[in-house]
Amino acid sequence: MKYENLMLRSLFVACLLVCTLVLGAMLKSFPAPAGMASSGTVANALLASPAQCALPADGVICPRQPG
């Protein structure tokens, strides 16, 4: 019984450690668009965006481009 208790306790500690590390990484990470919006200009944002819609242009999801 002590062996099973030790195994369950160590598994709990390992899972708690992994969850803490993942949560800490999610809270401390800064995505690229947030960094660009805080220190970039509108011209940089327009140059970084795609010229065409990545999804199929069905008129509902992506607006139709003129021409």
N, C-alpha and C. Protein backbone atom coordinates (compact mmCIF):
# COMPACT_ATOMS: atom_id res chain seq x y z
N MET A 1 0.82 -1.19 0.00
CA MET A 1 0.00 0.00 0.00
C MET A 1 0.86 1.27 0.00
N LYS A 2 2.00 1.22 0.67
CA LYS A 2 2.85 2.41 0.70
C LYS A 2 3.44 2.70 -0.68
N TYR A 3 3.73 1.63 -1.44
CA TYR A 3 4.30 1.83 -2.78
C TYR A 3 3.29 2.53 -3.69
N GLU A 4 2.03 2.09 -3.66
CA GLU A 4 1.01 2.71 -4.49
C GLU A 4 0.77 4.16 -4.06
N ASN A 5 0.79 4.41 -2.78
CA ASN A 5 0.59 5.76 -2.26
C ASN A 5 1.73 6.67 -2.72
N LEU A 6 2.95 6.16 -2.68
CA LEU A 6 4.11 6.94 -3.13
C LEU A 6 4.03 7.22 -4.63
N MET A 7 3.60 6.23 -5.40
CA MET A 7 3.48 6.42 -6.85
C MET A 7 2.39 7.45 -7.18
N LEU A 8 1.25 7.37 -6.51
CA LEU A 8 0.18 8.33 -6.76
C LEU A 8 0.58 9.74 -6.33
N ARG A 9 1.27 9.84 -5.22
CA ARG A 9 1.70 11.16 -4.76
C ARG A 9 2.72 11.78 -5.71
N SER A 10 3.66 10.96 -6.21
CA SER A 10 4.65 11.48 -7.15
C SER A 10 4.01 11.84 -8.49
N LEU A 11 3.01 11.07 -8.92
CA LEU A 11 2.29 11.42 -10.15
C LEU A 11 1.54 12.73 -9.98
N PHE A 12 0.92 12.92 -8.82
CA PHE A 12 0.22 14.17 -8.56
C PHE A 12 1.18 15.36 -8.58
N VAL A 13 2.35 15.21 -7.97
CA VAL A 13 3.33 16.29 -7.95
C VAL A 13 3.83 16.58 -9.36
N ALA A 14 4.08 15.52 -10.15
CA ALA A 14 4.55 15.72 -11.52
C ALA A 14 3.50 16.43 -12.37
N CYS A 15 2.23 16.05 -12.23
CA CYS A 15 1.16 16.70 -12.99
C CYS A 15 0.98 18.15 -12.55
N LEU A 16 1.08 18.40 -11.28
CA LEU A 16 0.98 19.76 -10.77
C LEU A 16 2.11 20.63 -11.29
N LEU A 17 3.31 20.08 -11.35
CA LEU A 17 4.46 20.82 -11.87
C LEU A 17 4.29 21.13 -13.34
N VAL A 18 3.82 20.17 -14.12
CA VAL A 18 3.62 20.40 -15.55
C VAL A 18 2.54 21.45 -15.78
N CYS A 19 1.45 21.36 -15.06
CA CYS A 19 0.37 22.35 -15.20
C CYS A 19 0.84 23.74 -14.82
N THR A 20 1.63 23.85 -13.78
CA THR A 20 2.17 25.14 -13.36
C THR A 20 3.09 25.73 -14.41
N LEU A 21 3.95 24.89 -14.98
CA LEU A 21 4.86 25.37 -16.02
C LEU A 21 4.11 25.81 -17.28
N VAL A 22 3.09 25.07 -17.67
CA VAL A 22 2.31 25.45 -18.86
C VAL A 22 1.55 26.73 -18.61
N LEU A 23 0.94 26.87 -17.46
CA LEU A 23 0.21 28.10 -17.13
C LEU A 23 1.15 29.29 -17.06
N GLY A 24 2.31 29.10 -16.48
CA GLY A 24 3.29 30.19 -16.44
C GLY A 24 3.77 30.60 -17.81
N ALA A 25 3.97 29.62 -18.70
CA ALA A 25 4.39 29.94 -20.06
C ALA A 25 3.29 30.68 -20.82
N MET A 26 2.04 30.33 -20.58
CA MET A 26 0.94 31.02 -21.26
C MET A 26 0.78 32.45 -20.75
N LEU A 27 1.02 32.66 -19.49
CA LEU A 27 0.84 34.00 -18.94
C LEU A 27 2.00 34.93 -19.27
N LYS A 28 3.19 34.39 -19.46
CA LYS A 28 4.35 35.23 -19.72
C LYS A 28 4.66 35.42 -21.19
N SER A 29 3.98 34.70 -22.08
CA SER A 29 4.28 34.83 -23.51
C SER A 29 3.56 36.03 -24.09
N PHE A 30 4.20 36.67 -25.05
CA PHE A 30 3.62 37.79 -25.77
C PHE A 30 3.56 37.42 -27.24
N PRO A 31 2.36 37.32 -27.82
CA PRO A 31 2.25 36.96 -29.22
C PRO A 31 2.81 38.06 -30.12
N ALA A 32 3.15 37.69 -31.32
CA ALA A 32 3.75 38.64 -32.27
C ALA A 32 2.84 39.82 -32.59
N PRO A 33 1.52 39.64 -32.83
CA PRO A 33 0.69 40.81 -33.13
C PRO A 33 0.64 41.82 -31.99
N ALA A 34 0.69 41.37 -30.74
CA ALA A 34 0.66 42.32 -29.63
C ALA A 34 1.94 43.14 -29.59
N GLY A 35 3.06 42.49 -29.86
CA GLY A 35 4.32 43.23 -29.89
C GLY A 35 4.38 44.20 -31.05
N MET A 36 3.84 43.81 -32.19
CA MET A 36 3.86 44.68 -33.35
C MET A 36 2.93 45.87 -33.15
N ALA A 37 1.79 45.65 -32.51
CA ALA A 37 0.84 46.74 -32.31
C ALA A 37 1.37 47.77 -31.32
N SER A 38 2.18 47.32 -30.38
CA SER A 38 2.65 48.27 -29.38
C SER A 38 3.83 49.10 -29.86
N SER A 39 4.64 48.56 -30.78
CA SER A 39 5.83 49.30 -31.18
C SER A 39 5.91 49.56 -32.68
N GLY A 40 4.90 49.23 -33.44
CA GLY A 40 4.96 49.40 -34.89
C GLY A 40 4.06 50.53 -35.35
N THR A 41 4.09 50.76 -36.65
CA THR A 41 3.23 51.77 -37.25
C THR A 41 2.16 51.08 -38.07
N VAL A 42 1.25 51.87 -38.61
CA VAL A 42 0.18 51.31 -39.42
C VAL A 42 0.75 50.74 -40.71
N ALA A 43 1.77 51.38 -41.27
CA ALA A 43 2.38 50.88 -42.51
C ALA A 43 3.00 49.51 -42.30
N ASN A 44 3.65 49.30 -41.16
CA ASN A 44 4.22 47.98 -40.88
C ASN A 44 3.12 46.93 -40.72
N ALA A 45 2.02 47.30 -40.12
CA ALA A 45 0.92 46.35 -39.95
C ALA A 45 0.30 45.98 -41.28
N LEU A 46 0.17 46.98 -42.19
CA LEU A 46 -0.40 46.69 -43.50
C LEU A 46 0.54 45.86 -44.35
N LEU A 47 1.83 46.07 -44.22
CA LEU A 47 2.79 45.27 -44.98
C LEU A 47 2.83 43.83 -44.46
N ALA A 48 2.58 43.62 -43.20
CA ALA A 48 2.63 42.29 -42.63
C ALA A 48 1.37 41.48 -42.93
N SER A 49 0.26 42.16 -43.23
CA SER A 49 -0.98 41.44 -43.50
C SER A 49 -0.99 40.91 -44.93
N PRO A 50 -1.65 39.79 -45.18
CA PRO A 50 -1.69 39.24 -46.53
C PRO A 50 -2.53 40.12 -47.46
N ALA A 51 -2.17 40.12 -48.73
CA ALA A 51 -2.89 40.93 -49.70
C ALA A 51 -4.24 40.32 -50.04
N GLN A 52 -4.33 39.00 -49.98
CA GLN A 52 -5.59 38.33 -50.30
C GLN A 52 -6.05 37.53 -49.09
N CYS A 53 -7.30 37.18 -49.11
CA CYS A 53 -7.86 36.39 -48.02
C CYS A 53 -7.33 34.97 -48.11
N ALA A 54 -6.93 34.40 -46.98
CA ALA A 54 -6.41 33.04 -46.96
C ALA A 54 -7.53 32.01 -47.13
N LEU A 55 -8.75 32.39 -46.79
CA LEU A 55 -9.90 31.49 -46.93
C LEU A 55 -10.52 31.67 -48.31
N PRO A 56 -11.29 30.71 -48.80
CA PRO A 56 -11.94 30.88 -50.09
C PRO A 56 -12.89 32.07 -50.07
N ALA A 57 -12.86 32.85 -51.12
CA ALA A 57 -13.70 34.05 -51.20
C ALA A 57 -15.10 33.64 -51.61
N ASP A 58 -15.96 33.36 -50.64
CA ASP A 58 -17.34 32.99 -50.94
C ASP A 58 -18.31 34.14 -50.72
N GLY A 59 -17.77 35.30 -50.40
CA GLY A 59 -18.62 36.46 -50.20
C GLY A 59 -19.16 36.59 -48.79
N VAL A 60 -19.02 35.55 -47.97
CA VAL A 60 -19.53 35.61 -46.60
C VAL A 60 -18.37 35.77 -45.63
N ILE A 61 -17.37 34.92 -45.76
CA ILE A 61 -16.24 34.97 -44.84
C ILE A 61 -15.26 36.05 -45.25
N CYS A 62 -14.86 36.04 -46.50
CA CYS A 62 -13.89 37.02 -47.00
C CYS A 62 -14.60 37.97 -47.97
N PRO A 63 -14.37 39.25 -47.84
CA PRO A 63 -14.97 40.18 -48.81
C PRO A 63 -14.30 40.01 -50.17
N ARG A 64 -15.08 40.21 -51.22
CA ARG A 64 -14.53 40.08 -52.57
C ARG A 64 -13.63 41.28 -52.88
N GLN A 65 -12.48 40.99 -53.47
CA GLN A 65 -11.54 42.03 -53.84
C GLN A 65 -11.96 42.64 -55.18
N PRO A 66 -11.88 43.95 -55.32
CA PRO A 66 -12.26 44.54 -56.62
C PRO A 66 -11.24 44.15 -57.69
N GLY A 67 -11.76 43.92 -58.87
CA GLY A 67 -10.88 43.63 -60.02
C GLY A 67 -10.75 42.24 -60.28
